[in-house]
Amino acid sequence: MIHFLGQSEAKVIGVDIIYSENDLSQGLLEVRDIIKGIEADPRLLKSAQINTLYASLKESEKRLDNDAILAAAMAESKKVILPLSLRWESCRGRDGNSGLLETELAGGQQSGASDNCP
């Protein structure tokens, strides 16, 4: 959808969904487990057949990783805005009247310096 909107010359693309957790499909988890098993034994990669299988699994991993696909589409478009909430918390420093602005990004990550409060 982001790719389509970008090609349609949208000025801004607003995505109002909070992606708070990774999208891990069962297929992606299984492919990653197989890849880890192959990588755990470097002798396996010496086999041409296993090396071909490994390369195919890495390509499948890319196609199944919806989070990476979405992130790449947003980065490519350079027009996407995501939800962000701001919360003003007051704390008193030595001067008696300092404040703290804390932002909460999609996914629950926080920036700001709540540890600036004494």
N, C-alpha and C. Protein backbone atom coordinates (compact mmCIF):
# COMPACT_ATOMS: atom_id res chain seq x y z
N MET A 1 0.83 -1.18 0.00
CA MET A 1 0.00 0.00 0.00
C MET A 1 0.88 1.25 0.00
N ILE A 2 1.93 1.26 0.80
CA ILE A 2 2.82 2.42 0.86
C ILE A 2 3.46 2.65 -0.51
N HIS A 3 3.88 1.57 -1.14
CA HIS A 3 4.49 1.66 -2.47
C HIS A 3 3.49 2.26 -3.46
N PHE A 4 2.25 1.78 -3.42
CA PHE A 4 1.21 2.27 -4.32
C PHE A 4 0.93 3.75 -4.08
N LEU A 5 0.80 4.15 -2.83
CA LEU A 5 0.52 5.56 -2.51
C LEU A 5 1.69 6.46 -2.93
N GLY A 6 2.89 5.96 -2.75
CA GLY A 6 4.07 6.72 -3.17
C GLY A 6 4.09 6.92 -4.68
N GLN A 7 3.75 5.88 -5.43
CA GLN A 7 3.70 5.99 -6.89
C GLN A 7 2.56 6.90 -7.34
N SER A 8 1.53 7.01 -6.50
CA SER A 8 0.39 7.88 -6.82
C SER A 8 0.67 9.33 -6.44
N GLU A 9 1.90 9.61 -6.08
CA GLU A 9 2.38 10.95 -5.74
C GLU A 9 1.70 11.55 -4.51
N ALA A 10 1.40 10.71 -3.53
CA ALA A 10 0.88 11.22 -2.26
C ALA A 10 1.95 12.09 -1.61
N LYS A 11 1.55 13.19 -1.03
CA LYS A 11 2.51 14.10 -0.38
C LYS A 11 2.96 13.54 0.96
N VAL A 12 2.02 12.96 1.70
CA VAL A 12 2.30 12.38 3.01
C VAL A 12 1.47 11.11 3.14
N ILE A 13 2.07 10.10 3.78
CA ILE A 13 1.36 8.84 4.02
C ILE A 13 1.31 8.64 5.53
N GLY A 14 0.13 8.73 6.10
CA GLY A 14 -0.04 8.55 7.53
C GLY A 14 -0.40 7.10 7.84
N VAL A 15 0.38 6.48 8.69
CA VAL A 15 0.10 5.12 9.13
C VAL A 15 -0.30 5.22 10.60
N ASP A 16 -1.59 5.05 10.88
CA ASP A 16 -2.08 5.27 12.24
C ASP A 16 -2.28 3.97 13.01
N ILE A 17 -1.42 3.03 12.75
CA ILE A 17 -1.45 1.76 13.48
C ILE A 17 -0.17 1.67 14.30
N ILE A 18 -0.30 1.31 15.55
CA ILE A 18 0.88 1.15 16.40
C ILE A 18 1.36 -0.29 16.28
N TYR A 19 2.57 -0.44 15.81
CA TYR A 19 3.16 -1.76 15.67
C TYR A 19 3.97 -2.04 16.93
N SER A 20 3.31 -2.57 17.93
CA SER A 20 3.94 -2.73 19.24
C SER A 20 4.70 -4.05 19.40
N GLU A 21 4.47 -4.97 18.48
CA GLU A 21 5.16 -6.26 18.57
C GLU A 21 5.67 -6.66 17.19
N ASN A 22 6.71 -7.46 17.19
CA ASN A 22 7.21 -7.98 15.92
C ASN A 22 6.18 -8.89 15.29
N ASP A 23 6.12 -8.89 13.98
CA ASP A 23 5.24 -9.79 13.24
C ASP A 23 6.04 -11.05 12.92
N LEU A 24 5.86 -12.07 13.71
CA LEU A 24 6.58 -13.31 13.49
C LEU A 24 5.62 -14.40 13.08
N SER A 25 5.57 -14.67 11.79
CA SER A 25 4.72 -15.75 11.32
C SER A 25 5.40 -17.08 11.65
N GLN A 26 4.62 -18.12 11.75
CA GLN A 26 5.18 -19.43 12.07
C GLN A 26 6.18 -19.86 11.00
N GLY A 27 5.87 -19.56 9.74
CA GLY A 27 6.79 -19.91 8.65
C GLY A 27 8.13 -19.22 8.81
N LEU A 28 8.12 -17.94 9.18
CA LEU A 28 9.36 -17.19 9.37
C LEU A 28 10.16 -17.78 10.52
N LEU A 29 9.49 -18.12 11.60
CA LEU A 29 10.20 -18.73 12.74
C LEU A 29 10.84 -20.05 12.36
N GLU A 30 10.13 -20.86 11.60
CA GLU A 30 10.67 -22.16 11.18
C GLU A 30 11.88 -21.98 10.27
N VAL A 31 11.78 -21.06 9.31
CA VAL A 31 12.90 -20.81 8.41
C VAL A 31 14.11 -20.33 9.20
N ARG A 32 13.89 -19.43 10.15
CA ARG A 32 15.02 -18.94 10.96
C ARG A 32 15.64 -20.04 11.80
N ASP A 33 14.82 -20.95 12.31
CA ASP A 33 15.36 -22.08 13.08
C ASP A 33 16.24 -22.97 12.20
N ILE A 34 15.82 -23.23 10.98
CA ILE A 34 16.61 -24.06 10.06
C ILE A 34 17.91 -23.35 9.71
N ILE A 35 17.84 -22.05 9.45
CA ILE A 35 19.04 -21.27 9.15
C ILE A 35 20.02 -21.32 10.31
N LYS A 36 19.51 -21.14 11.54
CA LYS A 36 20.39 -21.21 12.72
C LYS A 36 21.06 -22.57 12.83
N GLY A 37 20.31 -23.63 12.54
CA GLY A 37 20.87 -24.98 12.59
C GLY A 37 22.00 -25.16 11.60
N ILE A 38 21.83 -24.61 10.40
CA ILE A 38 22.88 -24.71 9.38
C ILE A 38 24.08 -23.87 9.79
N GLU A 39 23.84 -22.67 10.28
CA GLU A 39 24.94 -21.79 10.69
C GLU A 39 25.70 -22.31 11.90
N ALA A 40 25.04 -23.11 12.71
CA ALA A 40 25.69 -23.65 13.91
C ALA A 40 26.77 -24.68 13.57
N ASP A 41 26.68 -25.26 12.39
CA ASP A 41 27.67 -26.26 11.97
C ASP A 41 28.31 -25.81 10.66
N PRO A 42 29.44 -25.08 10.74
CA PRO A 42 30.08 -24.54 9.54
C PRO A 42 30.44 -25.60 8.50
N ARG A 43 30.60 -26.85 8.93
CA ARG A 43 30.92 -27.92 7.97
C ARG A 43 29.80 -28.10 6.95
N LEU A 44 28.57 -27.83 7.36
CA LEU A 44 27.43 -28.01 6.46
C LEU A 44 27.52 -27.10 5.24
N LEU A 45 28.03 -25.88 5.44
CA LEU A 45 28.09 -24.92 4.35
C LEU A 45 29.15 -25.28 3.31
N LYS A 46 29.98 -26.26 3.60
CA LYS A 46 30.97 -26.72 2.62
C LYS A 46 30.32 -27.57 1.53
N SER A 47 29.16 -28.09 1.81
CA SER A 47 28.42 -28.88 0.83
C SER A 47 27.71 -27.94 -0.15
N ALA A 48 27.87 -28.17 -1.44
CA ALA A 48 27.24 -27.32 -2.46
C ALA A 48 25.71 -27.37 -2.33
N GLN A 49 25.17 -28.56 -2.05
CA GLN A 49 23.71 -28.69 -1.95
C GLN A 49 23.18 -27.92 -0.73
N ILE A 50 23.86 -28.06 0.39
CA ILE A 50 23.43 -27.35 1.60
C ILE A 50 23.60 -25.84 1.40
N ASN A 51 24.68 -25.45 0.73
CA ASN A 51 24.90 -24.02 0.48
C ASN A 51 23.79 -23.45 -0.40
N THR A 52 23.33 -24.20 -1.39
CA THR A 52 22.22 -23.77 -2.24
C THR A 52 20.94 -23.67 -1.42
N LEU A 53 20.70 -24.68 -0.58
CA LEU A 53 19.53 -24.68 0.30
C LEU A 53 19.58 -23.48 1.25
N TYR A 54 20.76 -23.23 1.81
CA TYR A 54 20.96 -22.11 2.74
C TYR A 54 20.62 -20.78 2.05
N ALA A 55 21.11 -20.59 0.83
CA ALA A 55 20.84 -19.36 0.09
C ALA A 55 19.33 -19.22 -0.17
N SER A 56 18.67 -20.31 -0.50
CA SER A 56 17.21 -20.28 -0.72
C SER A 56 16.47 -19.93 0.55
N LEU A 57 16.91 -20.48 1.67
CA LEU A 57 16.28 -20.17 2.96
C LEU A 57 16.46 -18.70 3.33
N LYS A 58 17.64 -18.14 3.07
CA LYS A 58 17.88 -16.73 3.36
C LYS A 58 16.96 -15.84 2.51
N GLU A 59 16.74 -16.21 1.25
CA GLU A 59 15.82 -15.46 0.39
C GLU A 59 14.38 -15.60 0.90
N SER A 60 14.01 -16.81 1.33
CA SER A 60 12.67 -17.03 1.89
C SER A 60 12.47 -16.20 3.14
N GLU A 61 13.50 -16.12 3.96
CA GLU A 61 13.43 -15.32 5.19
C GLU A 61 13.12 -13.86 4.84
N LYS A 62 13.77 -13.33 3.82
CA LYS A 62 13.51 -11.94 3.42
C LYS A 62 12.06 -11.76 2.95
N ARG A 63 11.55 -12.73 2.19
CA ARG A 63 10.18 -12.61 1.68
C ARG A 63 9.13 -12.78 2.77
N LEU A 64 9.46 -13.51 3.84
CA LEU A 64 8.52 -13.76 4.93
C LEU A 64 8.57 -12.70 6.03
N ASP A 65 9.61 -11.88 6.04
CA ASP A 65 9.80 -10.89 7.11
C ASP A 65 9.00 -9.63 6.82
N ASN A 66 7.73 -9.64 7.22
CA ASN A 66 6.83 -8.52 6.94
C ASN A 66 7.30 -7.22 7.58
N ASP A 67 7.93 -7.29 8.75
CA ASP A 67 8.44 -6.07 9.40
C ASP A 67 9.53 -5.42 8.55
N ALA A 68 10.44 -6.22 8.02
CA ALA A 68 11.51 -5.68 7.19
C ALA A 68 10.95 -5.11 5.88
N ILE A 69 9.95 -5.79 5.32
CA ILE A 69 9.32 -5.32 4.09
C ILE A 69 8.65 -3.97 4.33
N LEU A 70 7.92 -3.85 5.44
CA LEU A 70 7.24 -2.59 5.77
C LEU A 70 8.26 -1.48 6.02
N ALA A 71 9.30 -1.78 6.78
CA ALA A 71 10.33 -0.78 7.08
C ALA A 71 11.02 -0.30 5.80
N ALA A 72 11.29 -1.22 4.89
CA ALA A 72 11.94 -0.85 3.63
C ALA A 72 11.02 0.04 2.79
N ALA A 73 9.73 -0.29 2.76
CA ALA A 73 8.77 0.51 1.99
C ALA A 73 8.66 1.92 2.58
N MET A 74 8.65 2.03 3.91
CA MET A 74 8.57 3.34 4.55
C MET A 74 9.84 4.15 4.29
N ALA A 75 10.99 3.50 4.38
CA ALA A 75 12.25 4.20 4.15
C ALA A 75 12.37 4.66 2.70
N GLU A 76 11.93 3.82 1.79
CA GLU A 76 12.01 4.15 0.36
C GLU A 76 11.10 5.32 0.01
N SER A 77 9.90 5.36 0.61
CA SER A 77 8.94 6.42 0.26
C SER A 77 9.34 7.78 0.84
N LYS A 78 9.94 7.78 2.02
CA LYS A 78 10.32 9.02 2.72
C LYS A 78 9.13 9.96 2.95
N LYS A 79 7.92 9.41 2.93
CA LYS A 79 6.73 10.23 3.11
C LYS A 79 5.85 9.74 4.25
N VAL A 80 6.28 8.71 4.94
CA VAL A 80 5.45 8.07 5.95
C VAL A 80 5.63 8.75 7.30
N ILE A 81 4.50 9.02 7.95
CA ILE A 81 4.54 9.49 9.33
C ILE A 81 3.87 8.42 10.19
N LEU A 82 4.41 8.23 11.37
CA LEU A 82 3.92 7.20 12.30
C LEU A 82 3.36 7.85 13.55
N PRO A 83 2.52 7.11 14.30
CA PRO A 83 1.95 7.66 15.53
C PRO A 83 3.03 7.92 16.58
N LEU A 84 2.82 8.96 17.33
CA LEU A 84 3.73 9.35 18.39
C LEU A 84 2.90 10.07 19.43
N SER A 85 3.08 9.70 20.68
CA SER A 85 2.35 10.42 21.73
C SER A 85 3.36 11.14 22.60
N LEU A 86 2.99 12.31 23.04
CA LEU A 86 3.84 13.11 23.91
C LEU A 86 3.20 13.20 25.28
N ARG A 87 4.02 13.11 26.30
CA ARG A 87 3.50 13.20 27.66
C ARG A 87 4.42 14.15 28.42
N TRP A 88 3.84 15.18 28.97
CA TRP A 88 4.62 16.13 29.75
C TRP A 88 4.59 15.72 31.20
N GLU A 89 5.76 15.44 31.73
CA GLU A 89 5.85 15.09 33.14
C GLU A 89 6.67 16.16 33.82
N SER A 90 6.21 16.55 34.93
CA SER A 90 6.89 17.59 35.67
C SER A 90 7.74 16.95 36.76
N CYS A 91 8.92 17.46 36.92
CA CYS A 91 9.74 17.06 38.07
C CYS A 91 10.53 18.28 38.51
N ARG A 92 10.90 18.30 39.73
CA ARG A 92 11.61 19.45 40.25
C ARG A 92 13.08 19.13 40.40
N GLY A 93 13.88 19.95 39.75
CA GLY A 93 15.32 19.83 39.89
C GLY A 93 15.80 20.76 40.98
N ARG A 94 17.06 21.02 41.00
CA ARG A 94 17.63 21.90 42.02
C ARG A 94 17.09 23.32 41.91
N ASP A 95 16.77 23.73 40.67
CA ASP A 95 16.27 25.10 40.50
C ASP A 95 14.80 25.21 40.89
N GLY A 96 14.15 24.08 41.16
CA GLY A 96 12.78 24.09 41.62
C GLY A 96 11.73 24.10 40.54
N ASN A 97 12.10 24.27 39.28
CA ASN A 97 11.07 24.30 38.25
C ASN A 97 11.58 23.77 36.89
N SER A 98 12.12 22.60 36.88
CA SER A 98 12.47 21.98 35.61
C SER A 98 11.33 21.07 35.17
N GLY A 99 11.29 20.74 33.92
CA GLY A 99 10.24 19.86 33.41
C GLY A 99 10.86 18.80 32.51
N LEU A 100 10.07 17.84 32.17
CA LEU A 100 10.56 16.75 31.34
C LEU A 100 9.52 16.45 30.27
N LEU A 101 9.94 16.43 29.05
CA LEU A 101 9.08 16.01 27.95
C LEU A 101 9.50 14.61 27.56
N GLU A 102 8.57 13.70 27.61
CA GLU A 102 8.87 12.31 27.27
C GLU A 102 8.01 11.93 26.07
N THR A 103 8.62 11.28 25.11
CA THR A 103 7.87 10.85 23.94
C THR A 103 7.74 9.34 23.97
N GLU A 104 6.63 8.87 23.50
CA GLU A 104 6.44 7.43 23.39
C GLU A 104 6.24 7.12 21.93
N LEU A 105 7.16 6.35 21.38
CA LEU A 105 7.13 6.00 19.98
C LEU A 105 6.26 4.78 19.78
N ALA A 106 5.88 4.53 18.54
CA ALA A 106 5.13 3.32 18.23
C ALA A 106 5.95 2.14 18.72
N GLY A 107 5.34 1.22 19.36
CA GLY A 107 6.04 0.07 19.89
C GLY A 107 6.39 0.23 21.36
N GLY A 108 6.00 1.34 21.97
CA GLY A 108 6.21 1.52 23.39
C GLY A 108 7.60 1.99 23.76
N GLN A 109 8.46 2.25 22.78
CA GLN A 109 9.78 2.75 23.10
C GLN A 109 9.65 4.17 23.60
N GLN A 110 10.44 4.52 24.56
CA GLN A 110 10.35 5.86 25.12
C GLN A 110 11.67 6.59 24.92
N SER A 111 11.52 7.87 24.66
CA SER A 111 12.71 8.73 24.66
C SER A 111 12.40 9.86 25.60
N GLY A 112 13.39 10.53 26.01
CA GLY A 112 13.21 11.55 27.04
C GLY A 112 14.12 11.16 28.17
N ALA A 113 14.14 11.93 29.16
CA ALA A 113 15.10 11.64 30.21
C ALA A 113 14.43 11.64 31.56
N SER A 114 13.63 10.62 31.81
CA SER A 114 12.96 10.56 33.10
C SER A 114 13.99 10.39 34.23
N ASP A 115 15.21 9.92 33.87
CA ASP A 115 16.21 9.78 34.90
C ASP A 115 16.89 11.13 35.19
N ASN A 116 16.46 12.21 34.51
CA ASN A 116 16.97 13.54 34.85
C ASN A 116 16.34 14.06 36.12
N CYS A 117 15.24 13.45 36.51
CA CYS A 117 14.60 13.88 37.76
C CYS A 117 15.44 13.37 38.92
N PRO A 118 15.61 14.21 39.93
CA PRO A 118 16.42 13.76 41.08
C PRO A 118 15.73 12.66 41.86
